[in-house]
Amino acid sequence: MVPLLTSVAFAQPPPRDAMATALDQQRATATRQRQAIQRQAESLGVRLAPMGVETPPADAKDAPDAKAAADTRTAADPSCDAISADAATSLIETAAKAQDLEPRLLRAIIEQESGLHPCAVSPRGAKGLMQLMPDTAQDLGVADPFDPRQSIDAGAKYFRQLMTRYNGDLKRALGAYNAGPTTVDQAGGVPDIAETRQYVESILRKLDAGKPVSK
């Protein structure tokens, strides 16, 4: 006997109840992520800073395929603690050395991407300290994008790939990390996207633009 559609419809919760349930599930997921990150940090001897530090929300993207600042400068979930700058140092130095990058460059990218929030998630689904998109994370062999070590190691590897692709052109590599290589290739340089230009300029200012940052 085919069940009546009306009975199925009446069995579903009202929209407000469904929304509340979804929010509760989201909070529970964030809590589990935070607990997992706490355990990972403790295993690495990392002390997390007090929660409440957030990065500013980004404006809308100017290009549909761009991984611009809405992905990278996203407000972190309030249940997510920021890893302290000092605690991140050893992870950053190890990853930077492995990929022949300067630690201060890698740190500047992380600060711009996630504000040092390990469980940051952007509206488009970029995750972790270095805000890796799911496909990119998978290609780089990341099992847990919220693991600080995995995120930094993979993000550093990806940025080294971009530096190689653009023959050491830091501006193009940064633009590609933010907006995607396809967008940079089509533009022939840093694309004329406000968020991407702001992203590149902000990192260059942190690095004291003009000084070499790659070996």
N, C-alpha and C. Protein backbone atom coordinates (compact mmCIF):
# COMPACT_ATOMS: atom_id res chain seq x y z
N MET A 1 0.84 -1.20 0.00
CA MET A 1 0.00 0.00 0.00
C MET A 1 0.88 1.25 0.00
N VAL A 2 0.61 2.20 -0.91
CA VAL A 2 1.40 3.41 -1.01
C VAL A 2 1.01 4.36 0.11
N PRO A 3 1.96 4.85 0.90
CA PRO A 3 1.62 5.76 2.01
C PRO A 3 1.09 7.08 1.48
N LEU A 4 0.18 7.67 2.22
CA LEU A 4 -0.41 8.94 1.83
C LEU A 4 0.60 10.06 1.98
N LEU A 5 0.69 10.93 0.96
CA LEU A 5 1.62 12.05 1.01
C LEU A 5 1.26 13.01 2.14
N THR A 6 -0.05 13.11 2.40
CA THR A 6 -0.47 14.06 3.43
C THR A 6 0.04 13.63 4.79
N SER A 7 0.09 12.33 5.05
CA SER A 7 0.57 11.87 6.34
C SER A 7 2.05 12.18 6.50
N VAL A 8 2.81 12.07 5.40
CA VAL A 8 4.23 12.38 5.46
C VAL A 8 4.43 13.86 5.71
N ALA A 9 3.63 14.68 5.02
CA ALA A 9 3.76 16.13 5.17
C ALA A 9 3.46 16.57 6.60
N PHE A 10 2.37 16.00 7.18
CA PHE A 10 2.01 16.39 8.52
C PHE A 10 3.02 15.91 9.55
N ALA A 11 3.78 14.83 9.18
CA ALA A 11 4.76 14.29 10.12
C ALA A 11 6.00 15.16 10.22
N GLN A 12 6.23 16.04 9.23
CA GLN A 12 7.41 16.87 9.24
C GLN A 12 7.23 18.04 10.21
N PRO A 13 8.32 18.46 10.85
CA PRO A 13 8.22 19.57 11.81
C PRO A 13 8.00 20.89 11.09
N PRO A 14 7.39 21.86 11.77
CA PRO A 14 7.23 23.19 11.19
C PRO A 14 8.58 23.78 10.83
N PRO A 15 8.61 24.75 9.90
CA PRO A 15 9.88 25.34 9.47
C PRO A 15 10.72 25.86 10.62
N ARG A 16 10.08 26.54 11.59
CA ARG A 16 10.86 27.08 12.71
C ARG A 16 11.50 25.99 13.52
N ASP A 17 10.75 24.89 13.74
CA ASP A 17 11.31 23.78 14.50
C ASP A 17 12.46 23.15 13.74
N ALA A 18 12.29 23.02 12.42
CA ALA A 18 13.35 22.42 11.60
C ALA A 18 14.60 23.28 11.65
N MET A 19 14.42 24.60 11.60
CA MET A 19 15.56 25.51 11.66
C MET A 19 16.25 25.41 13.01
N ALA A 20 15.47 25.34 14.06
CA ALA A 20 16.05 25.23 15.40
C ALA A 20 16.84 23.93 15.54
N THR A 21 16.29 22.85 14.98
CA THR A 21 16.99 21.57 15.02
C THR A 21 18.30 21.64 14.26
N ALA A 22 18.26 22.29 13.09
CA ALA A 22 19.48 22.43 12.29
C ALA A 22 20.54 23.24 13.02
N LEU A 23 20.11 24.30 13.70
CA LEU A 23 21.05 25.13 14.46
C LEU A 23 21.66 24.35 15.62
N ASP A 24 20.81 23.54 16.29
CA ASP A 24 21.32 22.72 17.39
C ASP A 24 22.36 21.73 16.88
N GLN A 25 22.08 21.12 15.71
CA GLN A 25 23.02 20.17 15.13
C GLN A 25 24.33 20.86 14.76
N GLN A 26 24.22 22.08 14.23
CA GLN A 26 25.41 22.84 13.86
C GLN A 26 26.25 23.16 15.09
N ARG A 27 25.58 23.57 16.18
CA ARG A 27 26.31 23.87 17.42
C ARG A 27 27.00 22.61 17.96
N ALA A 28 26.28 21.49 17.88
CA ALA A 28 26.85 20.24 18.38
C ALA A 28 28.08 19.85 17.56
N THR A 29 28.00 20.04 16.25
CA THR A 29 29.14 19.75 15.38
C THR A 29 30.32 20.65 15.72
N ALA A 30 30.04 21.94 15.94
CA ALA A 30 31.10 22.88 16.29
C ALA A 30 31.75 22.50 17.62
N THR A 31 30.93 22.04 18.56
CA THR A 31 31.46 21.63 19.86
C THR A 31 32.37 20.43 19.71
N ARG A 32 31.95 19.45 18.88
CA ARG A 32 32.78 18.27 18.66
C ARG A 32 34.10 18.66 17.99
N GLN A 33 34.01 19.59 17.03
CA GLN A 33 35.22 20.05 16.36
C GLN A 33 36.17 20.71 17.35
N ARG A 34 35.58 21.53 18.22
CA ARG A 34 36.40 22.23 19.21
C ARG A 34 37.08 21.24 20.14
N GLN A 35 36.34 20.22 20.57
CA GLN A 35 36.92 19.23 21.46
C GLN A 35 38.04 18.45 20.76
N ALA A 36 37.82 18.13 19.48
CA ALA A 36 38.84 17.41 18.73
C ALA A 36 40.09 18.26 18.57
N ILE A 37 39.90 19.55 18.29
CA ILE A 37 41.03 20.45 18.14
C ILE A 37 41.78 20.60 19.45
N GLN A 38 41.03 20.66 20.55
CA GLN A 38 41.65 20.77 21.87
C GLN A 38 42.53 19.56 22.14
N ARG A 39 42.02 18.37 21.81
CA ARG A 39 42.81 17.16 22.02
C ARG A 39 44.05 17.16 21.15
N GLN A 40 43.89 17.57 19.88
CA GLN A 40 45.02 17.62 18.97
C GLN A 40 46.07 18.61 19.46
N ALA A 41 45.60 19.77 19.93
CA ALA A 41 46.51 20.79 20.41
C ALA A 41 47.29 20.30 21.62
N GLU A 42 46.59 19.63 22.53
CA GLU A 42 47.24 19.12 23.73
C GLU A 42 48.30 18.07 23.38
N SER A 43 47.99 17.24 22.36
CA SER A 43 48.95 16.22 21.96
C SER A 43 50.20 16.83 21.35
N LEU A 44 50.06 18.06 20.80
CA LEU A 44 51.19 18.77 20.21
C LEU A 44 51.87 19.71 21.20
N GLY A 45 51.34 19.76 22.41
CA GLY A 45 51.87 20.69 23.39
C GLY A 45 51.50 22.12 23.10
N VAL A 46 50.36 22.31 22.41
CA VAL A 46 49.92 23.64 22.01
C VAL A 46 48.87 24.15 22.98
N ARG A 47 49.02 25.40 23.41
CA ARG A 47 48.04 26.01 24.29
C ARG A 47 47.16 26.95 23.48
N LEU A 48 45.86 26.77 23.55
CA LEU A 48 44.94 27.61 22.80
C LEU A 48 44.65 28.90 23.55
N ALA A 49 44.50 29.97 22.79
CA ALA A 49 44.19 31.26 23.39
C ALA A 49 42.73 31.31 23.79
N PRO A 50 42.33 32.26 24.65
CA PRO A 50 40.92 32.39 25.03
C PRO A 50 40.05 32.63 23.82
N MET A 51 38.83 32.10 23.85
CA MET A 51 37.95 32.25 22.71
C MET A 51 37.37 33.66 22.68
N GLY A 52 36.81 33.98 21.51
CA GLY A 52 36.18 35.28 21.37
C GLY A 52 36.86 36.15 20.33
N VAL A 53 38.04 35.73 19.81
CA VAL A 53 38.71 36.50 18.77
C VAL A 53 38.12 36.10 17.43
N GLU A 54 37.64 37.06 16.69
CA GLU A 54 37.02 36.77 15.41
C GLU A 54 37.65 37.61 14.32
N THR A 55 37.66 37.06 13.10
CA THR A 55 38.09 37.83 11.95
C THR A 55 36.87 38.45 11.32
N PRO A 56 37.01 39.61 10.68
CA PRO A 56 35.84 40.31 10.15
C PRO A 56 35.20 39.58 9.00
N PRO A 57 33.87 39.63 8.87
CA PRO A 57 33.19 39.00 7.76
C PRO A 57 33.57 39.69 6.47
N ALA A 58 33.53 38.92 5.38
CA ALA A 58 33.92 39.46 4.08
C ALA A 58 32.71 39.88 3.28
N ASP A 59 32.96 40.69 2.26
CA ASP A 59 31.92 41.09 1.35
C ASP A 59 31.70 40.00 0.32
N ALA A 60 30.71 40.20 -0.54
CA ALA A 60 30.41 39.21 -1.57
C ALA A 60 31.52 39.17 -2.59
N LYS A 61 31.65 38.04 -3.26
CA LYS A 61 32.67 37.88 -4.27
C LYS A 61 32.28 38.61 -5.54
N ASP A 62 33.31 38.97 -6.32
CA ASP A 62 33.08 39.63 -7.59
C ASP A 62 33.13 38.65 -8.75
N ALA A 63 33.58 37.41 -8.50
CA ALA A 63 33.64 36.41 -9.56
C ALA A 63 33.11 35.11 -9.01
N PRO A 64 32.34 34.33 -9.81
CA PRO A 64 31.70 33.12 -9.30
C PRO A 64 32.67 32.04 -8.90
N ASP A 65 33.85 31.96 -9.57
CA ASP A 65 34.77 30.88 -9.26
C ASP A 65 35.90 31.35 -8.36
N ALA A 66 35.80 32.55 -7.84
CA ALA A 66 36.88 33.09 -7.04
C ALA A 66 36.80 32.59 -5.61
N LYS A 67 37.96 32.19 -5.07
CA LYS A 67 38.05 31.86 -3.65
C LYS A 67 38.57 33.12 -2.97
N ALA A 68 37.72 34.12 -2.87
CA ALA A 68 38.14 35.41 -2.34
C ALA A 68 37.88 35.49 -0.85
N ALA A 69 37.81 36.71 -0.33
CA ALA A 69 37.86 36.87 1.11
C ALA A 69 36.65 36.35 1.85
N ALA A 70 35.53 36.11 1.18
CA ALA A 70 34.39 35.51 1.88
C ALA A 70 34.76 34.12 2.35
N ASP A 71 35.69 33.47 1.62
CA ASP A 71 36.17 32.17 2.05
C ASP A 71 37.24 32.31 3.11
N THR A 72 38.03 33.39 3.04
CA THR A 72 39.23 33.42 3.84
C THR A 72 39.12 34.28 5.08
N ARG A 73 38.44 35.38 5.04
CA ARG A 73 38.32 36.23 6.22
C ARG A 73 36.91 36.10 6.77
N THR A 74 36.57 34.90 7.16
CA THR A 74 35.23 34.63 7.65
C THR A 74 35.19 34.67 9.16
N ALA A 75 34.10 35.17 9.72
CA ALA A 75 33.97 35.20 11.18
C ALA A 75 33.94 33.77 11.70
N ALA A 76 34.79 33.49 12.66
CA ALA A 76 34.85 32.13 13.21
C ALA A 76 33.67 31.88 14.12
N ASP A 77 33.28 30.62 14.21
CA ASP A 77 32.22 30.25 15.13
C ASP A 77 32.65 30.61 16.55
N PRO A 78 31.77 31.19 17.35
CA PRO A 78 32.16 31.61 18.70
C PRO A 78 32.60 30.47 19.59
N SER A 79 32.28 29.23 19.20
CA SER A 79 32.73 28.10 20.01
C SER A 79 34.15 27.68 19.65
N CYS A 80 34.74 28.36 18.67
CA CYS A 80 36.08 27.98 18.21
C CYS A 80 37.12 28.90 18.81
N ASP A 81 38.04 28.37 19.58
CA ASP A 81 39.13 29.15 20.13
C ASP A 81 40.18 29.42 19.05
N ALA A 82 40.84 30.55 19.16
CA ALA A 82 41.96 30.85 18.28
C ALA A 82 43.23 30.27 18.90
N ILE A 83 44.02 29.63 18.07
CA ILE A 83 45.30 29.13 18.55
C ILE A 83 46.21 30.36 18.70
N SER A 84 46.96 30.43 19.78
CA SER A 84 47.79 31.61 20.01
C SER A 84 48.90 31.69 18.98
N ALA A 85 49.35 32.90 18.71
CA ALA A 85 50.41 33.11 17.72
C ALA A 85 51.67 32.35 18.12
N ASP A 86 52.00 32.37 19.42
CA ASP A 86 53.19 31.67 19.88
C ASP A 86 53.05 30.16 19.70
N ALA A 87 51.85 29.65 19.97
CA ALA A 87 51.64 28.21 19.86
C ALA A 87 51.74 27.73 18.42
N ALA A 88 51.40 28.60 17.48
CA ALA A 88 51.43 28.23 16.06
C ALA A 88 52.84 28.24 15.49
N THR A 89 53.78 28.86 16.20
CA THR A 89 55.12 29.08 15.64
C THR A 89 55.81 27.80 15.21
N SER A 90 55.80 26.78 16.07
CA SER A 90 56.53 25.55 15.72
C SER A 90 55.92 24.86 14.51
N LEU A 91 54.59 24.86 14.44
CA LEU A 91 53.92 24.23 13.29
C LEU A 91 54.24 25.00 12.01
N ILE A 92 54.23 26.32 12.10
CA ILE A 92 54.50 27.15 10.93
C ILE A 92 55.94 26.98 10.47
N GLU A 93 56.88 26.99 11.41
CA GLU A 93 58.29 26.88 11.04
C GLU A 93 58.59 25.53 10.40
N THR A 94 57.98 24.47 10.92
CA THR A 94 58.21 23.14 10.34
C THR A 94 57.67 23.06 8.92
N ALA A 95 56.44 23.55 8.71
CA ALA A 95 55.84 23.50 7.38
C ALA A 95 56.58 24.42 6.41
N ALA A 96 56.98 25.59 6.87
CA ALA A 96 57.69 26.53 6.01
C ALA A 96 59.03 25.95 5.56
N LYS A 97 59.73 25.31 6.48
CA LYS A 97 61.02 24.70 6.14
C LYS A 97 60.84 23.59 5.12
N ALA A 98 59.80 22.78 5.29
CA ALA A 98 59.56 21.66 4.39
C ALA A 98 59.25 22.13 2.97
N GLN A 99 58.64 23.31 2.84
CA GLN A 99 58.24 23.81 1.53
C GLN A 99 59.12 24.96 1.04
N ASP A 100 60.21 25.21 1.75
CA ASP A 100 61.15 26.26 1.37
C ASP A 100 60.45 27.62 1.26
N LEU A 101 59.66 27.94 2.29
CA LEU A 101 58.98 29.22 2.39
C LEU A 101 59.44 29.93 3.65
N GLU A 102 59.32 31.24 3.67
CA GLU A 102 59.65 31.96 4.89
C GLU A 102 58.49 31.84 5.88
N PRO A 103 58.79 31.55 7.15
CA PRO A 103 57.72 31.41 8.16
C PRO A 103 56.82 32.63 8.25
N ARG A 104 57.39 33.82 8.11
CA ARG A 104 56.56 35.02 8.24
C ARG A 104 55.55 35.14 7.11
N LEU A 105 55.87 34.60 5.94
CA LEU A 105 54.91 34.57 4.84
C LEU A 105 53.76 33.63 5.17
N LEU A 106 54.10 32.45 5.64
CA LEU A 106 53.08 31.46 5.97
C LEU A 106 52.19 31.96 7.10
N ARG A 107 52.79 32.59 8.10
CA ARG A 107 52.01 33.11 9.21
C ARG A 107 51.06 34.21 8.73
N ALA A 108 51.54 35.07 7.83
CA ALA A 108 50.70 36.16 7.31
C ALA A 108 49.49 35.60 6.57
N ILE A 109 49.70 34.53 5.82
CA ILE A 109 48.59 33.90 5.09
C ILE A 109 47.57 33.33 6.07
N ILE A 110 48.05 32.64 7.09
CA ILE A 110 47.15 32.04 8.07
C ILE A 110 46.36 33.11 8.81
N GLU A 111 47.04 34.18 9.20
CA GLU A 111 46.34 35.26 9.90
C GLU A 111 45.26 35.87 9.00
N GLN A 112 45.56 36.01 7.72
CA GLN A 112 44.59 36.58 6.80
C GLN A 112 43.46 35.61 6.50
N GLU A 113 43.79 34.33 6.43
CA GLU A 113 42.80 33.33 6.06
C GLU A 113 41.80 33.06 7.18
N SER A 114 42.28 32.82 8.38
CA SER A 114 41.40 32.33 9.44
C SER A 114 41.54 33.08 10.76
N GLY A 115 42.45 34.05 10.84
CA GLY A 115 42.68 34.70 12.12
C GLY A 115 43.15 33.72 13.18
N LEU A 116 43.81 32.63 12.74
CA LEU A 116 44.34 31.59 13.64
C LEU A 116 43.23 30.77 14.32
N HIS A 117 42.06 30.69 13.70
CA HIS A 117 40.97 29.86 14.23
C HIS A 117 41.01 28.49 13.54
N PRO A 118 41.40 27.43 14.23
CA PRO A 118 41.53 26.11 13.60
C PRO A 118 40.24 25.55 13.03
N CYS A 119 39.09 25.90 13.62
CA CYS A 119 37.84 25.32 13.11
C CYS A 119 37.01 26.33 12.33
N ALA A 120 37.66 27.35 11.78
CA ALA A 120 36.95 28.32 10.94
C ALA A 120 36.40 27.63 9.69
N VAL A 121 35.17 27.97 9.33
CA VAL A 121 34.54 27.45 8.12
C VAL A 121 33.92 28.63 7.38
N SER A 122 34.26 28.77 6.11
CA SER A 122 33.74 29.88 5.32
C SER A 122 32.37 29.55 4.75
N PRO A 123 31.63 30.54 4.27
CA PRO A 123 30.32 30.28 3.66
C PRO A 123 30.39 29.32 2.47
N ARG A 124 31.53 29.27 1.81
CA ARG A 124 31.67 28.38 0.66
C ARG A 124 32.29 27.04 1.01
N GLY A 125 32.59 26.83 2.27
CA GLY A 125 33.05 25.51 2.70
C GLY A 125 34.54 25.36 2.91
N ALA A 126 35.32 26.44 2.77
CA ALA A 126 36.75 26.35 3.07
C ALA A 126 36.91 26.15 4.58
N LYS A 127 37.88 25.31 4.96
CA LYS A 127 37.98 24.91 6.36
C LYS A 127 39.39 25.04 6.91
N GLY A 128 39.44 25.26 8.21
CA GLY A 128 40.70 25.18 8.93
C GLY A 128 41.53 26.44 8.91
N LEU A 129 42.72 26.34 9.49
CA LEU A 129 43.61 27.49 9.62
C LEU A 129 43.94 28.12 8.27
N MET A 130 44.14 27.29 7.26
CA MET A 130 44.53 27.81 5.96
C MET A 130 43.38 27.78 4.96
N GLN A 131 42.17 27.55 5.48
CA GLN A 131 40.95 27.66 4.69
C GLN A 131 41.04 26.91 3.35
N LEU A 132 41.31 25.63 3.46
CA LEU A 132 41.39 24.79 2.27
C LEU A 132 40.00 24.38 1.82
N MET A 133 39.76 24.49 0.52
CA MET A 133 38.51 23.99 -0.04
C MET A 133 38.55 22.46 -0.01
N PRO A 134 37.39 21.80 0.11
CA PRO A 134 37.36 20.34 0.23
C PRO A 134 38.14 19.60 -0.86
N ASP A 135 37.98 19.99 -2.11
CA ASP A 135 38.69 19.30 -3.20
C ASP A 135 40.20 19.46 -3.07
N THR A 136 40.62 20.68 -2.71
CA THR A 136 42.05 20.93 -2.54
C THR A 136 42.60 20.11 -1.38
N ALA A 137 41.86 20.10 -0.28
CA ALA A 137 42.30 19.33 0.88
C ALA A 137 42.41 17.85 0.54
N GLN A 138 41.45 17.34 -0.20
CA GLN A 138 41.48 15.94 -0.58
C GLN A 138 42.69 15.64 -1.47
N ASP A 139 42.95 16.53 -2.44
CA ASP A 139 44.09 16.34 -3.34
C ASP A 139 45.42 16.33 -2.57
N LEU A 140 45.45 17.08 -1.47
CA LEU A 140 46.67 17.18 -0.68
C LEU A 140 46.75 16.13 0.43
N GLY A 141 45.77 15.23 0.47
CA GLY A 141 45.80 14.13 1.42
C GLY A 141 45.43 14.51 2.84
N VAL A 142 44.63 15.55 2.99
CA VAL A 142 44.22 15.99 4.33
C VAL A 142 43.07 15.13 4.82
N ALA A 143 43.27 14.46 5.94
CA ALA A 143 42.21 13.63 6.52
C ALA A 143 41.29 14.45 7.40
N ASP A 144 41.86 15.43 8.12
CA ASP A 144 41.08 16.27 9.02
C ASP A 144 41.47 17.73 8.79
N PRO A 145 40.65 18.50 8.08
CA PRO A 145 41.00 19.90 7.77
C PRO A 145 41.05 20.80 8.99
N PHE A 146 40.49 20.34 10.12
CA PHE A 146 40.51 21.14 11.34
C PHE A 146 41.74 20.84 12.22
N ASP A 147 42.54 19.88 11.81
CA ASP A 147 43.77 19.57 12.53
C ASP A 147 44.80 20.65 12.18
N PRO A 148 45.30 21.40 13.16
CA PRO A 148 46.23 22.49 12.87
C PRO A 148 47.44 22.07 12.05
N ARG A 149 48.05 20.97 12.41
CA ARG A 149 49.24 20.51 11.69
C ARG A 149 48.91 20.16 10.24
N GLN A 150 47.84 19.39 10.03
CA GLN A 150 47.48 18.99 8.67
C GLN A 150 47.14 20.20 7.81
N SER A 151 46.41 21.14 8.38
CA SER A 151 46.00 22.31 7.62
C SER A 151 47.21 23.15 7.21
N ILE A 152 48.12 23.39 8.15
CA ILE A 152 49.29 24.21 7.85
C ILE A 152 50.21 23.50 6.87
N ASP A 153 50.45 22.21 7.10
CA ASP A 153 51.32 21.46 6.18
C ASP A 153 50.77 21.46 4.76
N ALA A 154 49.46 21.20 4.64
CA ALA A 154 48.85 21.13 3.31
C ALA A 154 48.78 22.51 2.67
N GLY A 155 48.43 23.52 3.47
CA GLY A 155 48.36 24.87 2.92
C GLY A 155 49.72 25.35 2.44
N ALA A 156 50.76 25.03 3.18
CA ALA A 156 52.12 25.41 2.77
C ALA A 156 52.50 24.69 1.48
N LYS A 157 52.15 23.42 1.39
CA LYS A 157 52.46 22.66 0.17
C LYS A 157 51.73 23.25 -1.03
N TYR A 158 50.46 23.60 -0.82
CA TYR A 158 49.68 24.18 -1.91
C TYR A 158 50.26 25.52 -2.34
N PHE A 159 50.67 26.34 -1.36
CA PHE A 159 51.22 27.64 -1.72
C PHE A 159 52.55 27.49 -2.45
N ARG A 160 53.36 26.51 -2.06
CA ARG A 160 54.61 26.24 -2.79
C ARG A 160 54.31 25.86 -4.23
N GLN A 161 53.26 25.07 -4.45
CA GLN A 161 52.87 24.71 -5.81
C GLN A 161 52.52 25.96 -6.62
N LEU A 162 51.81 26.89 -5.98
CA LEU A 162 51.45 28.13 -6.67
C LEU A 162 52.67 28.98 -6.96
N MET A 163 53.61 29.05 -6.02
CA MET A 163 54.83 29.81 -6.25
C MET A 163 55.63 29.22 -7.42
N THR A 164 55.65 27.89 -7.51
CA THR A 164 56.33 27.24 -8.62
C THR A 164 55.61 27.53 -9.93
N ARG A 165 54.29 27.45 -9.89
CA ARG A 165 53.48 27.70 -11.09
C ARG A 165 53.70 29.10 -11.65
N TYR A 166 53.86 30.06 -10.75
CA TYR A 166 54.01 31.46 -11.19
C TYR A 166 55.46 31.95 -11.08
N ASN A 167 56.39 31.00 -11.12
CA ASN A 167 57.82 31.33 -11.18
C ASN A 167 58.24 32.31 -10.08
N GLY A 168 57.74 32.09 -8.88
CA GLY A 168 58.14 32.91 -7.75
C GLY A 168 57.46 34.26 -7.66
N ASP A 169 56.46 34.50 -8.50
CA ASP A 169 55.72 35.76 -8.46
C ASP A 169 54.78 35.73 -7.25
N LEU A 170 55.17 36.40 -6.18
CA LEU A 170 54.42 36.33 -4.94
C LEU A 170 53.01 36.87 -5.09
N LYS A 171 52.87 37.98 -5.80
CA LYS A 171 51.54 38.58 -5.95
C LYS A 171 50.59 37.63 -6.66
N ARG A 172 51.06 37.00 -7.72
CA ARG A 172 50.19 36.06 -8.44
C ARG A 172 49.87 34.83 -7.58
N ALA A 173 50.85 34.34 -6.85
CA ALA A 173 50.61 33.18 -6.00
C ALA A 173 49.58 33.50 -4.92
N LEU A 174 49.71 34.68 -4.31
CA LEU A 174 48.73 35.08 -3.31
C LEU A 174 47.35 35.27 -3.94
N GLY A 175 47.32 35.89 -5.11
CA GLY A 175 46.05 36.07 -5.80
C GLY A 175 45.40 34.74 -6.12
N ALA A 176 46.22 33.75 -6.52
CA ALA A 176 45.69 32.43 -6.86
C ALA A 176 45.21 31.69 -5.62
N TYR A 177 45.89 31.88 -4.49
CA TYR A 177 45.45 31.24 -3.25
C TYR A 177 44.08 31.77 -2.86
N ASN A 178 43.85 33.03 -3.15
CA ASN A 178 42.60 33.67 -2.77
C ASN A 178 41.50 33.47 -3.80
N ALA A 179 41.81 33.72 -5.06
CA ALA A 179 40.77 33.71 -6.10
C ALA A 179 40.79 32.47 -6.98
N GLY A 180 41.83 31.65 -6.85
CA GLY A 180 41.93 30.46 -7.66
C GLY A 180 42.86 30.67 -8.85
N PRO A 181 43.67 29.67 -9.21
CA PRO A 181 44.61 29.80 -10.33
C PRO A 181 43.93 30.13 -11.66
N THR A 182 42.76 29.57 -11.91
CA THR A 182 42.07 29.84 -13.17
C THR A 182 41.77 31.32 -13.32
N THR A 183 41.30 31.94 -12.25
CA THR A 183 40.98 33.36 -12.29
C THR A 183 42.23 34.19 -12.54
N VAL A 184 43.34 33.84 -11.90
CA VAL A 184 44.59 34.56 -12.10
C VAL A 184 45.10 34.38 -13.52
N ASP A 185 45.02 33.15 -14.04
CA ASP A 185 45.49 32.89 -15.40
C ASP A 185 44.67 33.67 -16.41
N GLN A 186 43.37 33.71 -16.20
CA GLN A 186 42.51 34.45 -17.13
C GLN A 186 42.80 35.95 -17.08
N ALA A 187 43.13 36.45 -15.90
CA ALA A 187 43.39 37.88 -15.74
C ALA A 187 44.82 38.25 -16.14
N GLY A 188 45.69 37.26 -16.22
CA GLY A 188 47.08 37.53 -16.53
C GLY A 188 47.82 38.18 -15.37
N GLY A 189 47.34 37.98 -14.18
CA GLY A 189 47.92 38.57 -12.98
C GLY A 189 46.89 38.60 -11.88
N VAL A 190 47.11 39.43 -10.88
CA VAL A 190 46.13 39.55 -9.80
C VAL A 190 44.84 40.08 -10.41
N PRO A 191 43.74 39.34 -10.30
CA PRO A 191 42.49 39.77 -10.93
C PRO A 191 41.93 41.04 -10.32
N ASP A 192 41.16 41.75 -11.12
CA ASP A 192 40.57 43.01 -10.67
C ASP A 192 39.32 42.72 -9.84
N ILE A 193 39.55 42.06 -8.73
CA ILE A 193 38.50 41.72 -7.77
C ILE A 193 38.87 42.43 -6.47
N ALA A 194 37.98 43.26 -5.98
CA ALA A 194 38.31 44.10 -4.83
C ALA A 194 38.82 43.28 -3.65
N GLU A 195 38.13 42.19 -3.33
CA GLU A 195 38.51 41.39 -2.18
C GLU A 195 39.89 40.76 -2.38
N THR A 196 40.15 40.30 -3.61
CA THR A 196 41.44 39.66 -3.88
C THR A 196 42.57 40.67 -3.79
N ARG A 197 42.37 41.84 -4.36
CA ARG A 197 43.41 42.88 -4.28
C ARG A 197 43.66 43.29 -2.83
N GLN A 198 42.59 43.40 -2.06
CA GLN A 198 42.74 43.74 -0.65
C GLN A 198 43.50 42.64 0.09
N TYR A 199 43.20 41.40 -0.24
CA TYR A 199 43.85 40.24 0.37
C TYR A 199 45.35 40.28 0.10
N VAL A 200 45.72 40.46 -1.16
CA VAL A 200 47.13 40.49 -1.55
C VAL A 200 47.85 41.66 -0.89
N GLU A 201 47.25 42.84 -0.97
CA GLU A 201 47.88 44.03 -0.41
C GLU A 201 48.04 43.92 1.10
N SER A 202 47.07 43.34 1.77
CA SER A 202 47.15 43.20 3.23
C SER A 202 48.32 42.31 3.63
N ILE A 203 48.50 41.19 2.93
CA ILE A 203 49.61 40.29 3.25
C ILE A 203 50.94 40.94 2.92
N LEU A 204 51.02 41.63 1.79
CA LEU A 204 52.26 42.30 1.42
C LEU A 204 52.65 43.37 2.43
N ARG A 205 51.65 44.06 2.98
CA ARG A 205 51.95 45.06 4.00
C ARG A 205 52.55 44.40 5.24
N LYS A 206 52.00 43.24 5.59
CA LYS A 206 52.53 42.53 6.76
C LYS A 206 53.97 42.09 6.52
N LEU A 207 54.29 41.81 5.29
CA LEU A 207 55.62 41.32 4.95
C LEU A 207 56.60 42.45 4.65
N ASP A 208 56.11 43.69 4.72
CA ASP A 208 56.94 44.82 4.33
C ASP A 208 57.30 44.66 2.86
N ALA A 209 56.32 44.88 2.01
CA ALA A 209 56.42 44.63 0.57
C ALA A 209 57.71 45.18 -0.01
N GLY A 210 58.24 44.41 -0.93
CA GLY A 210 59.48 44.81 -1.59
C GLY A 210 60.65 43.95 -1.19
N LYS A 211 60.56 43.31 -0.02
CA LYS A 211 61.62 42.42 0.41
C LYS A 211 61.33 41.00 -0.06
N PRO A 212 62.33 40.26 -0.46
CA PRO A 212 62.10 38.89 -0.92
C PRO A 212 61.58 38.01 0.21
N VAL A 213 60.59 37.17 -0.11
CA VAL A 213 60.04 36.30 0.92
C VAL A 213 60.11 34.83 0.54
N SER A 214 60.63 34.52 -0.63
CA SER A 214 60.78 33.12 -1.01
C SER A 214 62.26 32.86 -1.29
N LYS A 215 62.67 31.60 -1.08
CA LYS A 215 64.09 31.26 -1.28
C LYS A 215 64.32 30.78 -2.70
